[in-house]
Amino acid sequence: MQRLVANIRSVFVSASFITMIGMGLTPVEAGAQRWNSKQREDARTCESFGNRYGTRAFSDCMLAQQHRRDTKQMRSIEETQRLSQIARDGQIMADRARRQRCERNPDRRECRRKYLSD
């Protein structure tokens, strides 16, 4: 049984390697292609700062770039939450004002619709 599993595993590894070669990729290039465009942009930024790939300064720079992007994304999410809350508060205030106008004068045109859900 173990021999069968070993044979299957070797066939799978060979097929994967042949497929990668057929695609023109080596295992190192396959890993490099997994970098997304943001990581490549960060790497270019760090290199433009004079940091060479593989050095501690480069790694620190990459971490700083990731932190910058994460912080930017968090600020964007927080801003969206604030704007959503402002919009909800505005809608609540508009509904209250409409309700009060309708209570004072039920013949108003806007009061003909069913705004008073209470």
Protein backbone atom coordinates (compact mmCIF):
# COMPACT_ATOMS: atom_id res chain seq x y z
CA MET A 1 0.00 0.00 0.00
CA GLN A 2 2.80 2.40 0.93
CA ARG A 3 4.54 1.56 -2.31
CA LEU A 4 1.39 2.42 -4.28
CA VAL A 5 1.06 5.76 -2.50
CA ALA A 6 4.73 6.52 -3.17
CA ASN A 7 4.29 5.70 -6.87
CA ILE A 8 1.20 7.88 -7.15
CA ARG A 9 2.97 10.72 -5.36
CA SER A 10 6.00 10.50 -7.68
CA VAL A 11 3.74 10.49 -10.75
CA PHE A 12 1.89 13.55 -9.43
CA VAL A 13 5.12 15.43 -8.69
CA SER A 14 6.52 14.54 -12.11
CA ALA A 15 3.32 15.62 -13.85
CA SER A 16 3.31 18.92 -11.93
CA PHE A 17 6.94 19.59 -12.79
CA ILE A 18 6.39 18.74 -16.47
CA THR A 19 3.33 21.01 -16.56
CA MET A 20 5.33 23.88 -15.06
CA ILE A 21 8.13 23.36 -17.56
CA GLY A 22 5.58 23.21 -20.36
CA MET A 23 4.18 26.53 -19.21
CA GLY A 24 7.69 27.94 -19.21
CA LEU A 25 7.88 28.23 -15.45
CA THR A 26 10.43 26.96 -13.04
CA PRO A 27 9.40 26.38 -9.43
CA VAL A 28 11.14 29.62 -8.43
CA GLU A 29 9.32 31.59 -11.13
CA ALA A 30 6.01 30.03 -10.10
CA GLY A 31 6.50 31.36 -6.57
CA ALA A 32 7.51 34.76 -7.92
CA GLN A 33 4.37 34.97 -10.03
CA ARG A 34 2.24 34.60 -6.91
CA TRP A 35 3.28 38.08 -5.82
CA ASN A 36 0.41 40.36 -6.50
CA SER A 37 0.76 43.77 -8.07
CA LYS A 38 0.69 45.53 -4.69
CA GLN A 39 3.65 43.51 -3.46
CA ARG A 40 5.54 44.25 -6.66
CA GLU A 41 4.75 47.95 -6.25
CA ASP A 42 5.98 47.81 -2.64
CA ALA A 43 9.16 46.07 -3.75
CA ARG A 44 9.79 48.75 -6.37
CA THR A 45 9.18 51.44 -3.75
CA CYS A 46 11.63 49.82 -1.33
CA GLU A 47 14.19 49.40 -4.08
CA SER A 48 13.77 53.06 -5.03
CA PHE A 49 14.64 53.89 -1.41
CA GLY A 50 17.94 52.09 -1.97
CA ASN A 51 17.09 48.84 -0.18
CA ARG A 52 18.27 45.65 -1.87
CA TYR A 53 16.15 42.51 -2.00
CA GLY A 54 17.08 40.05 0.74
CA THR A 55 18.42 42.61 3.20
CA ARG A 56 16.91 43.41 6.58
CA ALA A 57 16.28 46.99 5.44
CA PHE A 58 14.28 45.68 2.47
CA SER A 59 12.21 43.42 4.74
CA ASP A 60 11.58 46.30 7.15
CA CYS A 61 10.58 48.51 4.25
CA MET A 62 8.18 45.87 2.92
CA LEU A 63 6.61 45.54 6.37
CA ALA A 64 6.27 49.32 6.59
CA GLN A 65 4.59 49.42 3.17
CA GLN A 66 2.16 46.67 4.21
CA HIS A 67 1.41 48.51 7.45
CA ARG A 68 0.81 51.72 5.48
CA ARG A 69 -1.63 49.93 3.18
CA ASP A 70 -3.41 48.20 6.10
CA THR A 71 -3.72 51.51 7.95
CA LYS A 72 -5.05 53.22 4.83
CA GLN A 73 -7.62 50.45 4.37
CA MET A 74 -8.66 50.68 8.04
CA ARG A 75 -9.11 54.45 7.76
CA SER A 76 -11.23 53.95 4.66
CA ILE A 77 -13.44 51.42 6.45
CA GLU A 78 -13.82 53.73 9.46
CA GLU A 79 -14.71 56.67 7.19
CA THR A 80 -17.32 54.55 5.43
CA GLN A 81 -18.80 53.56 8.79
CA ARG A 82 -18.96 57.22 9.88
CA LEU A 83 -20.64 58.24 6.63
CA SER A 84 -23.14 55.40 6.95
CA GLN A 85 -23.96 56.46 10.51
CA ILE A 86 -24.43 60.07 9.39
CA ALA A 87 -26.76 58.91 6.62
CA ARG A 88 -28.77 56.75 9.05
CA ASP A 89 -29.02 59.62 11.53
CA GLY A 90 -30.15 61.96 8.75
CA GLN A 91 -32.83 59.50 7.65
CA ILE A 92 -34.08 59.12 11.23
CA MET A 93 -34.27 62.90 11.64
CA ALA A 94 -36.10 63.30 8.31
CA ASP A 95 -38.61 60.60 9.30
CA ARG A 96 -39.20 62.28 12.67
CA ALA A 97 -39.73 65.67 11.05
CA ARG A 98 -42.16 64.16 8.51
CA ARG A 99 -44.04 62.40 11.30
CA GLN A 100 -44.32 65.64 13.30
CA ARG A 101 -45.55 67.56 10.23
CA CYS A 102 -48.14 64.87 9.58
CA GLU A 103 -49.28 64.91 13.20
CA ARG A 104 -49.79 68.67 12.99
CA ASN A 105 -51.46 68.63 9.58
CA PRO A 106 -52.63 65.17 8.40
CA ASP A 107 -53.97 66.67 5.14
CA ARG A 108 -50.48 67.37 3.83
CA ARG A 109 -49.66 65.69 0.54
CA GLU A 110 -46.69 63.78 2.02
CA CYS A 111 -48.97 62.42 4.75
CA ARG A 112 -51.27 60.67 2.33
CA ARG A 113 -48.67 57.97 1.97
CA LYS A 114 -48.20 55.56 4.79
CA TYR A 115 -45.18 57.18 6.51
CA LEU A 116 -46.56 56.75 9.98
CA SER A 117 -45.71 53.20 10.76
CA ASP A 118 -46.51 53.49 14.47
